[in-house]
């Protein structure tokens, strides 16, 4: 099983499943649903977390060329990648520290 595109020839008896891109609303709902999995002492919680999710998605989905937008939608349709995005909103996590440093 893979979560990223992989060029290979599957065995003839293998079942292949394709992850279909989600709509922006579905991505937002999943991202908001990750809040209970964040550290209890997360600085962004509740309505502030939901607003951070909405602001982030608004930013990444606007002013993108179609090819870039398709790539963003594919990435954010992956539950594992989207969970990493949720952790980026939490400065206490390693992902959050990296995101904070990257955006300075």
PDB file of N, CA and C in Angstrom:
ATOM      1  N   UNK A   1       0.850  -1.172   0.000  1.00  0.00           N
ATOM      2  CA  UNK A   1       0.000   0.000   0.000  1.00  0.00           C
ATOM      3  C   UNK A   1       0.891   1.229   0.000  1.00  0.00           C
ATOM      4  N   UNK A   2       0.487   2.226  -0.732  1.00  0.00           N
ATOM      5  CA  UNK A   2       1.237   3.470  -0.792  1.00  0.00           C
ATOM      6  C   UNK A   2       0.291   4.644  -0.678  1.00  0.00           C
ATOM      7  N   UNK A   3       0.802   5.752  -0.203  1.00  0.00           N
ATOM      8  CA  UNK A   3      -0.019   6.947  -0.104  1.00  0.00           C
ATOM      9  C   UNK A   3       0.391   7.985  -1.137  1.00  0.00           C
ATOM     10  N   UNK A   4       1.426   7.699  -1.889  1.00  0.00           N
ATOM     11  CA  UNK A   4       1.906   8.602  -2.927  1.00  0.00           C
ATOM     12  C   UNK A   4       1.884   7.854  -4.257  1.00  0.00           C
ATOM     13  N   UNK A   5       1.821   8.605  -5.360  1.00  0.00           N
ATOM     14  CA  UNK A   5       1.845   7.927  -6.663  1.00  0.00           C
ATOM     15  C   UNK A   5       3.091   7.048  -6.791  1.00  0.00           C
ATOM     16  N   UNK A   6       2.903   5.881  -7.354  1.00  0.00           N
ATOM     17  CA  UNK A   6       3.998   4.927  -7.483  1.00  0.00           C
ATOM     18  C   UNK A   6       3.853   4.232  -8.831  1.00  0.00           C
ATOM     19  N   UNK A   7       4.897   4.283  -9.636  1.00  0.00           N
ATOM     20  CA  UNK A   7       4.890   3.613 -10.932  1.00  0.00           C
ATOM     21  C   UNK A   7       5.279   2.157 -10.712  1.00  0.00           C
ATOM     22  N   UNK A   8       4.354   1.242 -10.991  1.00  0.00           N
ATOM     23  CA  UNK A   8       4.644  -0.168 -10.859  1.00  0.00           C
ATOM     24  C   UNK A   8       3.590  -0.968 -11.617  1.00  0.00           C
ATOM     25  N   UNK A   9       3.892  -2.189 -11.858  1.00  0.00           N
ATOM     26  CA  UNK A   9       2.942  -3.089 -12.496  1.00  0.00           C
ATOM     27  C   UNK A   9       2.450  -4.041 -11.419  1.00  0.00           C
ATOM     28  N   UNK A  10       1.191  -3.887 -11.024  1.00  0.00           N
ATOM     29  CA  UNK A  10       0.676  -4.758  -9.968  1.00  0.00           C
ATOM     30  C   UNK A  10       0.487  -6.181 -10.478  1.00  0.00           C
ATOM     31  N   UNK A  11       0.547  -7.151  -9.578  1.00  0.00           N
ATOM     32  CA  UNK A  11       0.250  -8.537  -9.972  1.00  0.00           C
ATOM     33  C   UNK A  11      -1.173  -8.610 -10.541  1.00  0.00           C
ATOM     34  N   UNK A  12      -1.413  -9.542 -11.399  1.00  0.00           N
ATOM     35  CA  UNK A  12      -2.719  -9.637 -12.068  1.00  0.00           C
ATOM     36  C   UNK A  12      -3.872  -9.855 -11.089  1.00  0.00           C
ATOM     37  N   UNK A  13      -3.602 -10.404  -9.929  1.00  0.00           N
ATOM     38  CA  UNK A  13      -4.668 -10.674  -8.952  1.00  0.00           C
ATOM     39  C   UNK A  13      -4.838  -9.546  -7.933  1.00  0.00           C
ATOM     40  N   UNK A  14      -4.004  -8.524  -8.019  1.00  0.00           N
ATOM     41  CA  UNK A  14      -4.067  -7.421  -7.048  1.00  0.00           C
ATOM     42  C   UNK A  14      -5.249  -6.506  -7.344  1.00  0.00           C
ATOM     43  N   UNK A  15      -5.871  -6.023  -6.289  1.00  0.00           N
ATOM     44  CA  UNK A  15      -6.910  -5.008  -6.427  1.00  0.00           C
ATOM     45  C   UNK A  15      -6.232  -3.652  -6.296  1.00  0.00           C
ATOM     46  N   UNK A  16      -6.574  -2.750  -7.174  1.00  0.00           N
ATOM     47  CA  UNK A  16      -5.995  -1.411  -7.144  1.00  0.00           C
ATOM     48  C   UNK A  16      -7.090  -0.425  -6.784  1.00  0.00           C
ATOM     49  N   UNK A  17      -6.826   0.387  -5.778  1.00  0.00           N
ATOM     50  CA  UNK A  17      -7.757   1.426  -5.353  1.00  0.00           C
ATOM     51  C   UNK A  17      -7.115   2.774  -5.643  1.00  0.00           C
ATOM     52  N   UNK A  18      -7.906   3.699  -6.127  1.00  0.00           N
ATOM     53  CA  UNK A  18      -7.402   5.029  -6.446  1.00  0.00           C
ATOM     54  C   UNK A  18      -8.049   6.050  -5.523  1.00  0.00           C
ATOM     55  N   UNK A  19      -7.215   6.815  -4.861  1.00  0.00           N
ATOM     56  CA  UNK A  19      -7.690   7.862  -3.973  1.00  0.00           C
ATOM     57  C   UNK A  19      -8.214   9.010  -4.835  1.00  0.00           C
ATOM     58  N   UNK A  20      -9.488   9.308  -4.709  1.00  0.00           N
ATOM     59  CA  UNK A  20     -10.098  10.369  -5.498  1.00  0.00           C
ATOM     60  C   UNK A  20      -9.931  11.699  -4.772  1.00  0.00           C
ATOM     61  N   UNK A  21      -9.666  12.764  -5.521  1.00  0.00           N
ATOM     62  CA  UNK A  21      -9.507  14.069  -4.867  1.00  0.00           C
ATOM     63  C   UNK A  21     -10.797  14.500  -4.165  1.00  0.00           C
ATOM     64  N   UNK A  22     -10.626  15.116  -3.011  1.00  0.00           N
ATOM     65  CA  UNK A  22     -11.761  15.633  -2.254  1.00  0.00           C
ATOM     66  C   UNK A  22     -12.070  17.059  -2.687  1.00  0.00           C
ATOM     67  N   UNK A  23     -13.275  17.487  -2.426  1.00  0.00           N
ATOM     68  CA  UNK A  23     -13.643  18.897  -2.637  1.00  0.00           C
ATOM     69  C   UNK A  23     -13.090  19.702  -1.465  1.00  0.00           C
ATOM     70  N   UNK A  24     -12.940  21.004  -1.650  1.00  0.00           N
ATOM     71  CA  UNK A  24     -12.380  21.851  -0.601  1.00  0.00           C
ATOM     72  C   UNK A  24     -13.163  21.723   0.699  1.00  0.00           C
ATOM     73  N   UNK A  25     -14.482  21.647   0.621  1.00  0.00           N
ATOM     74  CA  UNK A  25     -15.310  21.510   1.824  1.00  0.00           C
ATOM     75  C   UNK A  25     -15.017  20.200   2.553  1.00  0.00           C
ATOM     76  N   UNK A  26     -14.821  19.122   1.817  1.00  0.00           N
ATOM     77  CA  UNK A  26     -14.501  17.826   2.425  1.00  0.00           C
ATOM     78  C   UNK A  26     -13.128  17.867   3.095  1.00  0.00           C
ATOM     79  N   UNK A  27     -12.189  18.530   2.441  1.00  0.00           N
ATOM     80  CA  UNK A  27     -10.847  18.671   3.015  1.00  0.00           C
ATOM     81  C   UNK A  27     -10.936  19.459   4.313  1.00  0.00           C
ATOM     82  N   UNK A  28     -11.703  20.545   4.306  1.00  0.00           N
ATOM     83  CA  UNK A  28     -11.853  21.367   5.507  1.00  0.00           C
ATOM     84  C   UNK A  28     -12.489  20.575   6.638  1.00  0.00           C
ATOM     85  N   UNK A  29     -13.526  19.813   6.333  1.00  0.00           N
ATOM     86  CA  UNK A  29     -14.191  19.021   7.369  1.00  0.00           C
ATOM     87  C   UNK A  29     -13.232  17.990   7.978  1.00  0.00           C
ATOM     88  N   UNK A  30     -12.438  17.333   7.126  1.00  0.00           N
ATOM     89  CA  UNK A  30     -11.487  16.352   7.648  1.00  0.00           C
ATOM     90  C   UNK A  30     -10.420  17.036   8.494  1.00  0.00           C
ATOM     91  N   UNK A  31      -9.907  18.166   8.009  1.00  0.00           N
ATOM     92  CA  UNK A  31      -8.867  18.885   8.739  1.00  0.00           C
ATOM     93  C   UNK A  31      -9.377  19.325  10.108  1.00  0.00           C
ATOM     94  N   UNK A  32     -10.575  19.831  10.170  1.00  0.00           N
ATOM     95  CA  UNK A  32     -11.169  20.249  11.449  1.00  0.00           C
ATOM     96  C   UNK A  32     -11.388  19.031  12.353  1.00  0.00           C
ATOM     97  N   UNK A  33     -11.687  17.887  11.758  1.00  0.00           N
ATOM     98  CA  UNK A  33     -11.913  16.674  12.564  1.00  0.00           C
ATOM     99  C   UNK A  33     -10.625  16.157  13.220  1.00  0.00           C
ATOM    100  N   UNK A  34      -9.486  16.653  12.826  1.00  0.00           N
ATOM    101  CA  UNK A  34      -8.203  16.236  13.413  1.00  0.00           C
ATOM    102  C   UNK A  34      -7.941  16.919  14.752  1.00  0.00           C
ATOM    103  N   UNK A  35      -8.707  17.933  15.098  1.00  0.00           N
ATOM    104  CA  UNK A  35      -8.446  18.688  16.333  1.00  0.00           C
ATOM    105  C   UNK A  35      -8.352  17.814  17.580  1.00  0.00           C
ATOM    106  N   UNK A  36      -9.221  16.834  17.782  1.00  0.00           N
ATOM    107  CA  UNK A  36      -9.098  15.998  18.990  1.00  0.00           C
ATOM    108  C   UNK A  36      -7.782  15.223  19.068  1.00  0.00           C
ATOM    109  N   UNK A  37      -7.087  15.058  17.955  1.00  0.00           N
ATOM    110  CA  UNK A  37      -5.819  14.327  17.939  1.00  0.00           C
ATOM    111  C   UNK A  37      -4.619  15.219  18.234  1.00  0.00           C
ATOM    112  N   UNK A  38      -4.843  16.513  18.353  1.00  0.00           N
ATOM    113  CA  UNK A  38      -3.756  17.451  18.643  1.00  0.00           C
ATOM    114  C   UNK A  38      -3.412  17.389  20.132  1.00  0.00           C
ATOM    115  N   UNK A  39      -2.221  17.844  20.495  1.00  0.00           N
ATOM    116  CA  UNK A  39      -1.851  17.856  21.920  1.00  0.00           C
ATOM    117  C   UNK A  39      -2.870  18.646  22.744  1.00  0.00           C
ATOM    118  N   UNK A  40      -3.098  18.182  23.967  1.00  0.00           N
ATOM    119  CA  UNK A  40      -4.069  18.836  24.848  1.00  0.00           C
ATOM    120  C   UNK A  40      -3.716  20.298  25.120  1.00  0.00           C
ATOM    121  N   UNK A  41      -2.412  20.608  25.117  1.00  0.00           N
ATOM    122  CA  UNK A  41      -1.989  21.977  25.413  1.00  0.00           C
ATOM    123  C   UNK A  41      -1.781  22.812  24.144  1.00  0.00           C
ATOM    124  N   UNK A  42      -2.395  22.403  23.038  1.00  0.00           N
ATOM    125  CA  UNK A  42      -2.256  23.150  21.784  1.00  0.00           C
ATOM    126  C   UNK A  42      -2.730  24.589  21.984  1.00  0.00           C
ATOM    127  N   UNK A  43      -1.949  25.526  21.475  1.00  0.00           N
ATOM    128  CA  UNK A  43      -2.294  26.940  21.638  1.00  0.00           C
ATOM    129  C   UNK A  43      -3.508  27.332  20.808  1.00  0.00           C
ATOM    130  N   UNK A  44      -3.724  26.630  19.719  1.00  0.00           N
ATOM    131  CA  UNK A  44      -4.877  26.918  18.858  1.00  0.00           C
ATOM    132  C   UNK A  44      -5.897  25.812  19.078  1.00  0.00           C
ATOM    133  N   UNK A  45      -7.068  26.177  19.592  1.00  0.00           N
ATOM    134  CA  UNK A  45      -8.120  25.214  19.903  1.00  0.00           C
ATOM    135  C   UNK A  45      -9.471  25.794  19.497  1.00  0.00           C
ATOM    136  N   UNK A  46     -10.456  24.923  19.411  1.00  0.00           N
ATOM    137  CA  UNK A  46     -11.836  25.343  19.192  1.00  0.00           C
ATOM    138  C   UNK A  46     -12.029  26.170  17.940  1.00  0.00           C
ATOM    139  N   UNK A  47     -12.731  27.288  18.101  1.00  0.00           N
ATOM    140  CA  UNK A  47     -13.047  28.161  16.971  1.00  0.00           C
ATOM    141  C   UNK A  47     -11.782  28.728  16.327  1.00  0.00           C
ATOM    142  N   UNK A  48     -10.745  28.976  17.126  1.00  0.00           N
ATOM    143  CA  UNK A  48      -9.486  29.488  16.567  1.00  0.00           C
ATOM    144  C   UNK A  48      -8.837  28.453  15.644  1.00  0.00           C
ATOM    145  N   UNK A  49      -8.921  27.175  16.023  1.00  0.00           N
ATOM    146  CA  UNK A  49      -8.373  26.114  15.181  1.00  0.00           C
ATOM    147  C   UNK A  49      -9.171  26.021  13.876  1.00  0.00           C
ATOM    148  N   UNK A  50     -10.490  26.052  13.976  1.00  0.00           N
ATOM    149  CA  UNK A  50     -11.335  25.988  12.783  1.00  0.00           C
ATOM    150  C   UNK A  50     -11.045  27.170  11.853  1.00  0.00           C
ATOM    151  N   UNK A  51     -10.834  28.350  12.427  1.00  0.00           N
ATOM    152  CA  UNK A  51     -10.514  29.537  11.617  1.00  0.00           C
ATOM    153  C   UNK A  51      -9.144  29.378  10.956  1.00  0.00           C
ATOM    154  N   UNK A  52      -8.174  28.834  11.669  1.00  0.00           N
ATOM    155  CA  UNK A  52      -6.847  28.605  11.094  1.00  0.00           C
ATOM    156  C   UNK A  52      -6.952  27.639   9.908  1.00  0.00           C
ATOM    157  N   UNK A  53      -7.775  26.612  10.044  1.00  0.00           N
ATOM    158  CA  UNK A  53      -7.984  25.660   8.953  1.00  0.00           C
ATOM    159  C   UNK A  53      -8.601  26.352   7.744  1.00  0.00           C
ATOM    160  N   UNK A  54      -9.645  27.130   7.992  1.00  0.00           N
ATOM    161  CA  UNK A  54     -10.323  27.836   6.907  1.00  0.00           C
ATOM    162  C   UNK A  54      -9.387  28.820   6.226  1.00  0.00           C
ATOM    163  N   UNK A  55      -8.643  29.584   7.009  1.00  0.00           N
ATOM    164  CA  UNK A  55      -7.700  30.561   6.449  1.00  0.00           C
ATOM    165  C   UNK A  55      -6.628  29.879   5.607  1.00  0.00           C
ATOM    166  N   UNK A  56      -6.098  28.773   6.115  1.00  0.00           N
ATOM    167  CA  UNK A  56      -5.066  28.037   5.387  1.00  0.00           C
ATOM    168  C   UNK A  56      -5.601  27.553   4.044  1.00  0.00           C
ATOM    169  N   UNK A  57      -6.775  26.926   4.054  1.00  0.00           N
ATOM    170  CA  UNK A  57      -7.330  26.382   2.816  1.00  0.00           C
ATOM    171  C   UNK A  57      -7.700  27.486   1.829  1.00  0.00           C
ATOM    172  N   UNK A  58      -8.212  28.590   2.337  1.00  0.00           N
ATOM    173  CA  UNK A  58      -8.524  29.715   1.460  1.00  0.00           C
ATOM    174  C   UNK A  58      -7.268  30.184   0.756  1.00  0.00           C
ATOM    175  N   UNK A  59      -6.177  30.257   1.500  1.00  0.00           N
ATOM    176  CA  UNK A  59      -4.907  30.720   0.929  1.00  0.00           C
ATOM    177  C   UNK A  59      -4.362  29.744  -0.114  1.00  0.00           C
ATOM    178  N   UNK A  60      -4.371  28.461   0.176  1.00  0.00           N
ATOM    179  CA  UNK A  60      -3.768  27.500  -0.756  1.00  0.00           C
ATOM    180  C   UNK A  60      -4.634  27.235  -1.982  1.00  0.00           C
ATOM    181  N   UNK A  61      -5.941  27.493  -1.887  1.00  0.00           N
ATOM    182  CA  UNK A  61      -6.816  27.229  -3.025  1.00  0.00           C
ATOM    183  C   UNK A  61      -7.069  28.444  -3.911  1.00  0.00           C
ATOM    184  N   UNK A  62      -6.562  29.585  -3.549  1.00  0.00           N
ATOM    185  CA  UNK A  62      -6.780  30.742  -4.417  1.00  0.00           C
ATOM    186  C   UNK A  62      -5.508  31.082  -5.170  1.00  0.00           C
ATOM    187  N   UNK A  63      -5.684  31.672  -6.316  1.00  0.00           N
ATOM    188  CA  UNK A  63      -4.590  32.142  -7.151  1.00  0.00           C
ATOM    189  C   UNK A  63      -3.589  31.044  -7.488  1.00  0.00           C
ATOM    190  N   UNK A  64      -4.100  29.890  -7.836  1.00  0.00           N
ATOM    191  CA  UNK A  64      -3.240  28.776  -8.246  1.00  0.00           C
ATOM    192  C   UNK A  64      -3.528  28.465  -9.709  1.00  0.00           C
ATOM    193  N   UNK A  65      -2.483  28.139 -10.457  1.00  0.00           N
ATOM    194  CA  UNK A  65      -2.682  27.622 -11.804  1.00  0.00           C
ATOM    195  C   UNK A  65      -3.374  26.271 -11.683  1.00  0.00           C
ATOM    196  N   UNK A  66      -4.098  25.850 -12.714  1.00  0.00           N
ATOM    197  CA  UNK A  66      -4.862  24.600 -12.639  1.00  0.00           C
ATOM    198  C   UNK A  66      -3.977  23.417 -12.252  1.00  0.00           C
ATOM    199  N   UNK A  67      -2.806  23.307 -12.833  1.00  0.00           N
ATOM    200  CA  UNK A  67      -1.910  22.187 -12.531  1.00  0.00           C
ATOM    201  C   UNK A  67      -1.489  22.201 -11.060  1.00  0.00           C
ATOM    202  N   UNK A  68      -1.169  23.387 -10.536  1.00  0.00           N
ATOM    203  CA  UNK A  68      -0.795  23.509  -9.125  1.00  0.00           C
ATOM    204  C   UNK A  68      -1.989  23.208  -8.223  1.00  0.00           C
ATOM    205  N   UNK A  69      -3.148  23.699  -8.612  1.00  0.00           N
ATOM    206  CA  UNK A  69      -4.352  23.457  -7.823  1.00  0.00           C
ATOM    207  C   UNK A  69      -4.674  21.961  -7.768  1.00  0.00           C
ATOM    208  N   UNK A  70      -4.517  21.265  -8.891  1.00  0.00           N
ATOM    209  CA  UNK A  70      -4.750  19.815  -8.910  1.00  0.00           C
ATOM    210  C   UNK A  70      -3.771  19.097  -7.980  1.00  0.00           C
ATOM    211  N   UNK A  71      -2.512  19.533  -7.983  1.00  0.00           N
ATOM    212  CA  UNK A  71      -1.498  18.915  -7.109  1.00  0.00           C
ATOM    213  C   UNK A  71      -1.826  19.170  -5.639  1.00  0.00           C
ATOM    214  N   UNK A  72      -2.247  20.390  -5.315  1.00  0.00           N
ATOM    215  CA  UNK A  72      -2.630  20.725  -3.937  1.00  0.00           C
ATOM    216  C   UNK A  72      -3.821  19.871  -3.515  1.00  0.00           C
ATOM    217  N   UNK A  73      -4.804  19.778  -4.380  1.00  0.00           N
ATOM    218  CA  UNK A  73      -6.008  19.000  -4.059  1.00  0.00           C
ATOM    219  C   UNK A  73      -5.657  17.516  -3.860  1.00  0.00           C
ATOM    220  N   UNK A  74      -4.774  16.967  -4.709  1.00  0.00           N
ATOM    221  CA  UNK A  74      -4.353  15.566  -4.546  1.00  0.00           C
ATOM    222  C   UNK A  74      -3.654  15.354  -3.208  1.00  0.00           C
ATOM    223  N   UNK A  75      -2.737  16.268  -2.871  1.00  0.00           N
ATOM    224  CA  UNK A  75      -1.996  16.151  -1.611  1.00  0.00           C
ATOM    225  C   UNK A  75      -2.932  16.266  -0.421  1.00  0.00           C
ATOM    226  N   UNK A  76      -3.814  17.255  -0.453  1.00  0.00           N
ATOM    227  CA  UNK A  76      -4.707  17.480   0.684  1.00  0.00           C
ATOM    228  C   UNK A  76      -5.869  16.489   0.723  1.00  0.00           C
ATOM    229  N   UNK A  77      -5.958  15.618  -0.259  1.00  0.00           N
ATOM    230  CA  UNK A  77      -6.960  14.557  -0.227  1.00  0.00           C
ATOM    231  C   UNK A  77      -6.415  13.300   0.441  1.00  0.00           C
ATOM    232  N   UNK A  78      -5.151  13.308   0.754  1.00  0.00           N
ATOM    233  CA  UNK A  78      -4.509  12.178   1.413  1.00  0.00           C
ATOM    234  C   UNK A  78      -4.641  12.370   2.930  1.00  0.00           C
ATOM    235  N   UNK A  79      -5.315  11.473   3.628  1.00  0.00           N
ATOM    236  CA  UNK A  79      -5.514  11.642   5.076  1.00  0.00           C
ATOM    237  C   UNK A  79      -4.212  11.783   5.866  1.00  0.00           C
ATOM    238  N   UNK A  80      -3.167  11.089   5.443  1.00  0.00           N
ATOM    239  CA  UNK A  80      -1.896  11.190   6.169  1.00  0.00           C
ATOM    240  C   UNK A  80      -1.290  12.583   6.000  1.00  0.00           C
ATOM    241  N   UNK A  81      -1.280  13.091   4.772  1.00  0.00           N
ATOM    242  CA  UNK A  81      -0.735  14.427   4.530  1.00  0.00           C
ATOM    243  C   UNK A  81      -1.571  15.492   5.221  1.00  0.00           C
ATOM    244  N   UNK A  82      -2.877  15.323   5.213  1.00  0.00           N
ATOM    245  CA  UNK A  82      -3.760  16.307   5.837  1.00  0.00           C
ATOM    246  C   UNK A  82      -3.604  16.312   7.353  1.00  0.00           C
ATOM    247  N   UNK A  83      -3.310  15.182   7.942  1.00  0.00           N
ATOM    248  CA  UNK A  83      -3.048  15.126   9.380  1.00  0.00           C
ATOM    249  C   UNK A  83      -1.760  15.876   9.708  1.00  0.00           C
ATOM    250  N   UNK A  84      -0.767  15.789   8.840  1.00  0.00           N
ATOM    251  CA  UNK A  84       0.470  16.565   9.034  1.00  0.00           C
ATOM    252  C   UNK A  84       0.161  18.057   8.985  1.00  0.00           C
ATOM    253  N   UNK A  85      -0.727  18.474   8.082  1.00  0.00           N
ATOM    254  CA  UNK A  85      -1.125  19.882   8.012  1.00  0.00           C
ATOM    255  C   UNK A  85      -1.738  20.307   9.345  1.00  0.00           C
ATOM    256  N   UNK A  86      -2.590  19.478   9.929  1.00  0.00           N
ATOM    257  CA  UNK A  86      -3.197  19.806  11.224  1.00  0.00           C
ATOM    258  C   UNK A  86      -2.120  20.008  12.282  1.00  0.00           C
ATOM    259  N   UNK A  87      -1.102  19.165  12.263  1.00  0.00           N
ATOM    260  CA  UNK A  87      -0.017  19.294  13.244  1.00  0.00           C
ATOM    261  C   UNK A  87       0.807  20.555  13.021  1.00  0.00           C
ATOM    262  N   UNK A  88       0.810  21.059  11.801  1.00  0.00           N
ATOM    263  CA  UNK A  88       1.561  22.292  11.512  1.00  0.00           C
ATOM    264  C   UNK A  88       0.964  23.497  12.230  1.00  0.00           C
ATOM    265  N   UNK A  89      -0.309  23.430  12.575  1.00  0.00           N
ATOM    266  CA  UNK A  89      -0.946  24.536  13.289  1.00  0.00           C
ATOM    267  C   UNK A  89      -0.605  24.529  14.777  1.00  0.00           C
ATOM    268  N   UNK A  90       0.121  23.520  15.236  1.00  0.00           N
ATOM    269  CA  UNK A  90       0.431  23.353  16.646  1.00  0.00           C
ATOM    270  C   UNK A  90       1.921  23.555  16.872  1.00  0.00           C
ATOM    271  N   UNK A  91       2.338  24.752  17.319  1.00  0.00           N
ATOM    272  CA  UNK A  91       3.764  25.027  17.488  1.00  0.00           C
ATOM    273  C   UNK A  91       4.485  24.079  18.439  1.00  0.00           C
ATOM    274  N   UNK A  92       3.765  23.394  19.341  1.00  0.00           N
ATOM    275  CA  UNK A  92       4.417  22.509  20.299  1.00  0.00           C
ATOM    276  C   UNK A  92       4.931  21.230  19.635  1.00  0.00           C
ATOM    277  N   UNK A  93       4.438  20.884  18.455  1.00  0.00           N
ATOM    278  CA  UNK A  93       4.885  19.657  17.792  1.00  0.00           C
ATOM    279  C   UNK A  93       6.083  19.964  16.904  1.00  0.00           C
ATOM    280  N   UNK A  94       6.821  18.921  16.566  1.00  0.00           N
ATOM    281  CA  UNK A  94       7.970  19.087  15.680  1.00  0.00           C
ATOM    282  C   UNK A  94       7.541  19.672  14.345  1.00  0.00           C
ATOM    283  N   UNK A  95       6.407  19.188  13.812  1.00  0.00           N
ATOM    284  CA  UNK A  95       5.909  19.726  12.541  1.00  0.00           C
ATOM    285  C   UNK A  95       5.575  21.202  12.682  1.00  0.00           C
ATOM    286  N   UNK A  96       4.963  21.571  13.799  1.00  0.00           N
ATOM    287  CA  UNK A  96       4.599  22.962  14.020  1.00  0.00           C
ATOM    288  C   UNK A  96       5.818  23.857  14.125  1.00  0.00           C
ATOM    289  N   UNK A  97       6.866  23.377  14.805  1.00  0.00           N
ATOM    290  CA  UNK A  97       8.100  24.162  14.922  1.00  0.00           C
ATOM    291  C   UNK A  97       8.719  24.388  13.554  1.00  0.00           C
ATOM    292  N   UNK A  98       8.733  23.344  12.732  1.00  0.00           N
ATOM    293  CA  UNK A  98       9.289  23.482  11.379  1.00  0.00           C
ATOM    294  C   UNK A  98       8.472  24.466  10.564  1.00  0.00           C
ATOM    295  N   UNK A  99       7.133  24.383  10.649  1.00  0.00           N
ATOM    296  CA  UNK A  99       6.250  25.277   9.915  1.00  0.00           C
ATOM    297  C   UNK A  99       6.461  26.721  10.359  1.00  0.00           C
ATOM    298  N   UNK A 100       6.585  26.934  11.664  1.00  0.00           N
ATOM    299  CA  UNK A 100       6.803  28.284  12.204  1.00  0.00           C
ATOM    300  C   UNK A 100       8.122  28.846  11.711  1.00  0.00           C
ATOM    301  N   UNK A 101       9.188  28.055  11.749  1.00  0.00           N
ATOM    302  CA  UNK A 101      10.487  28.515  11.271  1.00  0.00           C
ATOM    303  C   UNK A 101      10.465  28.803   9.781  1.00  0.00           C
ATOM    304  N   UNK A 102       9.767  27.969   9.015  1.00  0.00           N
ATOM    305  CA  UNK A 102       9.695  28.117   7.574  1.00  0.00           C
ATOM    306  C   UNK A 102       8.980  29.406   7.188  1.00  0.00           C
ATOM    307  N   UNK A 103       7.991  29.821   7.967  1.00  0.00           N
ATOM    308  CA  UNK A 103       7.186  30.982   7.627  1.00  0.00           C
ATOM    309  C   UNK A 103       7.730  32.292   8.193  1.00  0.00           C
ATOM    310  N   UNK A 104       8.895  32.270   8.811  1.00  0.00           N
ATOM    311  CA  UNK A 104       9.467  33.512   9.338  1.00  0.00           C
ATOM    312  C   UNK A 104      10.242  34.237   8.276  1.00  0.00           C
TER     313      UNK A 104
END
